[in-house]
Amino acid sequence: MGKIKTFIKECGIELKKVVWPTFDDVVASVKVVIISTILVAIILGVLDMVFTYGMRLVF
């Protein structure tokens, strides 16, 4: 039981050292993720259309 208490105490100490991001940082990161996801989806969609068209020409 003592090890569990020590573990929880040390977790609390480590969490106090964490520098949490500001709301603006989180919003900026979310924007980057959403834009990146959309761009990758568009690129993959275009590649899929090109390969599909190419396969229809071959077969």
PDB file of N, CA and C in Angstrom:
ATOM      1  N   MET A   1       0.824  -1.191   0.000  1.00  0.00           N
ATOM      2  CA  MET A   1       0.000   0.000   0.000  1.00  0.00           C
ATOM      3  C   MET A   1       0.871   1.259   0.000  1.00  0.00           C
ATOM      4  N   GLY A   2       2.023   1.175   0.615  1.00  0.00           N
ATOM      5  CA  GLY A   2       2.922   2.319   0.684  1.00  0.00           C
ATOM      6  C   GLY A   2       3.456   2.716  -0.677  1.00  0.00           C
ATOM      7  N   LYS A   3       3.690   1.698  -1.529  1.00  0.00           N
ATOM      8  CA  LYS A   3       4.200   1.986  -2.878  1.00  0.00           C
ATOM      9  C   LYS A   3       3.150   2.714  -3.702  1.00  0.00           C
ATOM     10  N   ILE A   4       1.894   2.369  -3.513  1.00  0.00           N
ATOM     11  CA  ILE A   4       0.826   3.033  -4.255  1.00  0.00           C
ATOM     12  C   ILE A   4       0.731   4.504  -3.847  1.00  0.00           C
ATOM     13  N   LYS A   5       0.815   4.770  -2.553  1.00  0.00           N
ATOM     14  CA  LYS A   5       0.763   6.146  -2.065  1.00  0.00           C
ATOM     15  C   LYS A   5       1.949   6.948  -2.598  1.00  0.00           C
ATOM     16  N   THR A   6       3.115   6.332  -2.589  1.00  0.00           N
ATOM     17  CA  THR A   6       4.314   6.999  -3.103  1.00  0.00           C
ATOM     18  C   THR A   6       4.158   7.299  -4.591  1.00  0.00           C
ATOM     19  N   PHE A   7       3.621   6.332  -5.325  1.00  0.00           N
ATOM     20  CA  PHE A   7       3.421   6.517  -6.761  1.00  0.00           C
ATOM     21  C   PHE A   7       2.474   7.686  -7.030  1.00  0.00           C
ATOM     22  N   ILE A   8       1.355   7.733  -6.320  1.00  0.00           N
ATOM     23  CA  ILE A   8       0.382   8.806  -6.512  1.00  0.00           C
ATOM     24  C   ILE A   8       0.983  10.154  -6.132  1.00  0.00           C
ATOM     25  N   LYS A   9       1.741  10.183  -5.058  1.00  0.00           N
ATOM     26  CA  LYS A   9       2.391  11.418  -4.617  1.00  0.00           C
ATOM     27  C   LYS A   9       3.381  11.912  -5.677  1.00  0.00           C
ATOM     28  N   GLU A  10       4.176  11.003  -6.216  1.00  0.00           N
ATOM     29  CA  GLU A  10       5.158  11.367  -7.234  1.00  0.00           C
ATOM     30  C   GLU A  10       4.475  11.797  -8.534  1.00  0.00           C
ATOM     31  N   CYS A  11       3.347  11.188  -8.870  1.00  0.00           N
ATOM     32  CA  CYS A  11       2.592  11.613 -10.053  1.00  0.00           C
ATOM     33  C   CYS A  11       2.124  13.054  -9.886  1.00  0.00           C
ATOM     34  N   GLY A  12       1.640  13.389  -8.716  1.00  0.00           N
ATOM     35  CA  GLY A  12       1.209  14.763  -8.444  1.00  0.00           C
ATOM     36  C   GLY A  12       2.345  15.748  -8.577  1.00  0.00           C
ATOM     37  N   ILE A  13       3.508  15.364  -8.081  1.00  0.00           N
ATOM     38  CA  ILE A  13       4.690  16.229  -8.182  1.00  0.00           C
ATOM     39  C   ILE A  13       5.070  16.440  -9.639  1.00  0.00           C
ATOM     40  N   GLU A  14       5.056  15.380 -10.430  1.00  0.00           N
ATOM     41  CA  GLU A  14       5.412  15.498 -11.845  1.00  0.00           C
ATOM     42  C   GLU A  14       4.389  16.324 -12.605  1.00  0.00           C
ATOM     43  N   LEU A  15       3.107  16.178 -12.275  1.00  0.00           N
ATOM     44  CA  LEU A  15       2.075  16.954 -12.966  1.00  0.00           C
ATOM     45  C   LEU A  15       2.192  18.448 -12.676  1.00  0.00           C
ATOM     46  N   LYS A  16       2.744  18.813 -11.542  1.00  0.00           N
ATOM     47  CA  LYS A  16       2.949  20.225 -11.234  1.00  0.00           C
ATOM     48  C   LYS A  16       4.050  20.827 -12.109  1.00  0.00           C
ATOM     49  N   LYS A  17       4.937  19.971 -12.634  1.00  0.00           N
ATOM     50  CA  LYS A  17       6.030  20.442 -13.480  1.00  0.00           C
ATOM     51  C   LYS A  17       5.600  20.644 -14.930  1.00  0.00           C
ATOM     52  N   VAL A  18       4.460  20.086 -15.301  1.00  0.00           N
ATOM     53  CA  VAL A  18       3.994  20.147 -16.680  1.00  0.00           C
ATOM     54  C   VAL A  18       3.603  21.571 -17.038  1.00  0.00           C
ATOM     55  N   VAL A  19       4.031  22.007 -18.215  1.00  0.00           N
ATOM     56  CA  VAL A  19       3.618  23.312 -18.729  1.00  0.00           C
ATOM     57  C   VAL A  19       2.457  23.046 -19.681  1.00  0.00           C
ATOM     58  N   TRP A  20       1.257  23.350 -19.227  1.00  0.00           N
ATOM     59  CA  TRP A  20       0.070  23.077 -20.017  1.00  0.00           C
ATOM     60  C   TRP A  20      -0.075  24.134 -21.108  1.00  0.00           C
ATOM     61  N   PRO A  21      -0.529  23.732 -22.308  1.00  0.00           N
ATOM     62  CA  PRO A  21      -0.682  24.703 -23.392  1.00  0.00           C
ATOM     63  C   PRO A  21      -1.838  25.665 -23.113  1.00  0.00           C
ATOM     64  N   THR A  22      -1.712  26.845 -23.664  1.00  0.00           N
ATOM     65  CA  THR A  22      -2.788  27.819 -23.530  1.00  0.00           C
ATOM     66  C   THR A  22      -3.914  27.452 -24.491  1.00  0.00           C
ATOM     67  N   PHE A  23      -5.067  28.083 -24.301  1.00  0.00           N
ATOM     68  CA  PHE A  23      -6.203  27.818 -25.171  1.00  0.00           C
ATOM     69  C   PHE A  23      -5.858  28.162 -26.619  1.00  0.00           C
ATOM     70  N   ASP A  24      -5.143  29.258 -26.819  1.00  0.00           N
ATOM     71  CA  ASP A  24      -4.763  29.660 -28.177  1.00  0.00           C
ATOM     72  C   ASP A  24      -3.839  28.636 -28.828  1.00  0.00           C
ATOM     73  N   ASP A  25      -2.929  28.062 -28.044  1.00  0.00           N
ATOM     74  CA  ASP A  25      -2.043  27.022 -28.572  1.00  0.00           C
ATOM     75  C   ASP A  25      -2.837  25.788 -29.000  1.00  0.00           C
ATOM     76  N   VAL A  26      -3.818  25.421 -28.188  1.00  0.00           N
ATOM     77  CA  VAL A  26      -4.635  24.248 -28.508  1.00  0.00           C
ATOM     78  C   VAL A  26      -5.444  24.496 -29.776  1.00  0.00           C
ATOM     79  N   VAL A  27      -6.033  25.682 -29.888  1.00  0.00           N
ATOM     80  CA  VAL A  27      -6.823  26.016 -31.074  1.00  0.00           C
ATOM     81  C   VAL A  27      -5.942  25.994 -32.316  1.00  0.00           C
ATOM     82  N   ALA A  28      -4.742  26.536 -32.228  1.00  0.00           N
ATOM     83  CA  ALA A  28      -3.816  26.543 -33.365  1.00  0.00           C
ATOM     84  C   ALA A  28      -3.437  25.115 -33.768  1.00  0.00           C
ATOM     85  N   SER A  29      -3.193  24.271 -32.790  1.00  0.00           N
ATOM     86  CA  SER A  29      -2.839  22.881 -33.080  1.00  0.00           C
ATOM     87  C   SER A  29      -3.999  22.137 -33.734  1.00  0.00           C
ATOM     88  N   VAL A  30      -5.205  22.383 -33.257  1.00  0.00           N
ATOM     89  CA  VAL A  30      -6.381  21.732 -33.839  1.00  0.00           C
ATOM     90  C   VAL A  30      -6.564  22.184 -35.284  1.00  0.00           C
ATOM     91  N   LYS A  31      -6.351  23.465 -35.563  1.00  0.00           N
ATOM     92  CA  LYS A  31      -6.466  23.964 -36.931  1.00  0.00           C
ATOM     93  C   LYS A  31      -5.460  23.265 -37.840  1.00  0.00           C
ATOM     94  N   VAL A  32      -4.230  23.111 -37.367  1.00  0.00           N
ATOM     95  CA  VAL A  32      -3.196  22.446 -38.169  1.00  0.00           C
ATOM     96  C   VAL A  32      -3.603  21.007 -38.466  1.00  0.00           C
ATOM     97  N   VAL A  33      -4.122  20.306 -37.475  1.00  0.00           N
ATOM     98  CA  VAL A  33      -4.525  18.908 -37.663  1.00  0.00           C
ATOM     99  C   VAL A  33      -5.676  18.807 -38.651  1.00  0.00           C
ATOM    100  N   ILE A  34      -6.676  19.670 -38.523  1.00  0.00           N
ATOM    101  CA  ILE A  34      -7.836  19.613 -39.422  1.00  0.00           C
ATOM    102  C   ILE A  34      -7.422  19.934 -40.856  1.00  0.00           C
ATOM    103  N   ILE A  35      -6.629  20.975 -41.034  1.00  0.00           N
ATOM    104  CA  ILE A  35      -6.190  21.352 -42.385  1.00  0.00           C
ATOM    105  C   ILE A  35      -5.324  20.248 -42.994  1.00  0.00           C
ATOM    106  N   SER A  36      -4.427  19.682 -42.211  1.00  0.00           N
ATOM    107  CA  SER A  36      -3.572  18.596 -42.709  1.00  0.00           C
ATOM    108  C   SER A  36      -4.402  17.388 -43.112  1.00  0.00           C
ATOM    109  N   THR A  37      -5.393  17.062 -42.315  1.00  0.00           N
ATOM    110  CA  THR A  37      -6.254  15.917 -42.617  1.00  0.00           C
ATOM    111  C   THR A  37      -7.028  16.141 -43.911  1.00  0.00           C
ATOM    112  N   ILE A  38      -7.554  17.341 -44.074  1.00  0.00           N
ATOM    113  CA  ILE A  38      -8.301  17.657 -45.296  1.00  0.00           C
ATOM    114  C   ILE A  38      -7.387  17.587 -46.519  1.00  0.00           C
ATOM    115  N   LEU A  39      -6.187  18.154 -46.419  1.00  0.00           N
ATOM    116  CA  LEU A  39      -5.250  18.123 -47.554  1.00  0.00           C
ATOM    117  C   LEU A  39      -4.857  16.698 -47.931  1.00  0.00           C
ATOM    118  N   VAL A  40      -4.575  15.875 -46.938  1.00  0.00           N
ATOM    119  CA  VAL A  40      -4.204  14.483 -47.224  1.00  0.00           C
ATOM    120  C   VAL A  40      -5.376  13.749 -47.848  1.00  0.00           C
ATOM    121  N   ALA A  41      -6.598  13.997 -47.369  1.00  0.00           N
ATOM    122  CA  ALA A  41      -7.781  13.357 -47.948  1.00  0.00           C
ATOM    123  C   ALA A  41      -7.963  13.766 -49.404  1.00  0.00           C
ATOM    124  N   ILE A  42      -7.751  15.044 -49.704  1.00  0.00           N
ATOM    125  CA  ILE A  42      -7.882  15.517 -51.085  1.00  0.00           C
ATOM    126  C   ILE A  42      -6.827  14.872 -51.982  1.00  0.00           C
ATOM    127  N   ILE A  43      -5.586  14.840 -51.500  1.00  0.00           N
ATOM    128  CA  ILE A  43      -4.503  14.225 -52.286  1.00  0.00           C
ATOM    129  C   ILE A  43      -4.786  12.754 -52.546  1.00  0.00           C
ATOM    130  N   LEU A  44      -5.205  12.025 -51.523  1.00  0.00           N
ATOM    131  CA  LEU A  44      -5.505  10.603 -51.701  1.00  0.00           C
ATOM    132  C   LEU A  44      -6.702  10.398 -52.622  1.00  0.00           C
ATOM    133  N   GLY A  45      -7.699  11.278 -52.528  1.00  0.00           N
ATOM    134  CA  GLY A  45      -8.852  11.177 -53.417  1.00  0.00           C
ATOM    135  C   GLY A  45      -8.462  11.390 -54.868  1.00  0.00           C
ATOM    136  N   VAL A  46      -7.613  12.383 -55.121  1.00  0.00           N
ATOM    137  CA  VAL A  46      -7.154  12.643 -56.493  1.00  0.00           C
ATOM    138  C   VAL A  46      -6.330  11.468 -57.013  1.00  0.00           C
ATOM    139  N   LEU A  47      -5.442  10.949 -56.171  1.00  0.00           N
ATOM    140  CA  LEU A  47      -4.647   9.784 -56.598  1.00  0.00           C
ATOM    141  C   LEU A  47      -5.548   8.590 -56.896  1.00  0.00           C
ATOM    142  N   ASP A  48      -6.564   8.376 -56.103  1.00  0.00           N
ATOM    143  CA  ASP A  48      -7.494   7.280 -56.324  1.00  0.00           C
ATOM    144  C   ASP A  48      -8.214   7.447 -57.660  1.00  0.00           C
ATOM    145  N   MET A  49      -8.638   8.668 -57.952  1.00  0.00           N
ATOM    146  CA  MET A  49      -9.314   8.917 -59.230  1.00  0.00           C
ATOM    147  C   MET A  49      -8.371   8.676 -60.406  1.00  0.00           C
ATOM    148  N   VAL A  50      -7.127   9.112 -60.274  1.00  0.00           N
ATOM    149  CA  VAL A  50      -6.150   8.921 -61.353  1.00  0.00           C
ATOM    150  C   VAL A  50      -5.884   7.442 -61.582  1.00  0.00           C
ATOM    151  N   PHE A  51      -5.654   6.702 -60.510  1.00  0.00           N
ATOM    152  CA  PHE A  51      -5.379   5.270 -60.652  1.00  0.00           C
ATOM    153  C   PHE A  51      -6.609   4.515 -61.179  1.00  0.00           C
ATOM    154  N   THR A  52      -7.788   4.914 -60.748  1.00  0.00           N
ATOM    155  CA  THR A  52      -9.004   4.276 -61.250  1.00  0.00           C
ATOM    156  C   THR A  52      -9.158   4.519 -62.743  1.00  0.00           C
ATOM    157  N   TYR A  53      -8.939   5.766 -63.155  1.00  0.00           N
ATOM    158  CA  TYR A  53      -9.020   6.098 -64.576  1.00  0.00           C
ATOM    159  C   TYR A  53      -7.972   5.297 -65.376  1.00  0.00           C
ATOM    160  N   GLY A  54      -6.768   5.212 -64.822  1.00  0.00           N
ATOM    161  CA  GLY A  54      -5.708   4.456 -65.490  1.00  0.00           C
ATOM    162  C   GLY A  54      -6.048   2.982 -65.618  1.00  0.00           C
ATOM    163  N   MET A  55      -6.641   2.404 -64.595  1.00  0.00           N
ATOM    164  CA  MET A  55      -7.007   0.991 -64.645  1.00  0.00           C
ATOM    165  C   MET A  55      -8.143   0.756 -65.646  1.00  0.00           C
ATOM    166  N   ARG A  56      -9.049   1.718 -65.755  1.00  0.00           N
ATOM    167  CA  ARG A  56     -10.140   1.572 -66.739  1.00  0.00           C
ATOM    168  C   ARG A  56      -9.594   1.630 -68.160  1.00  0.00           C
ATOM    169  N   LEU A  57      -8.540   2.400 -68.383  1.00  0.00           N
ATOM    170  CA  LEU A  57      -7.937   2.451 -69.705  1.00  0.00           C
ATOM    171  C   LEU A  57      -7.235   1.134 -70.049  1.00  0.00           C
ATOM    172  N   VAL A  58      -6.618   0.525 -69.055  1.00  0.00           N
ATOM    173  CA  VAL A  58      -5.857  -0.704 -69.266  1.00  0.00           C
ATOM    174  C   VAL A  58      -6.794  -1.894 -69.431  1.00  0.00           C
ATOM    175  N   PHE A  59      -7.824  -1.950 -68.581  1.00  0.00           N
ATOM    176  CA  PHE A  59      -8.705  -3.136 -68.597  1.00  0.00           C
ATOM    177  C   PHE A  59      -9.974  -2.795 -69.261  1.00  0.00           C
TER     178      PHE A  59
END
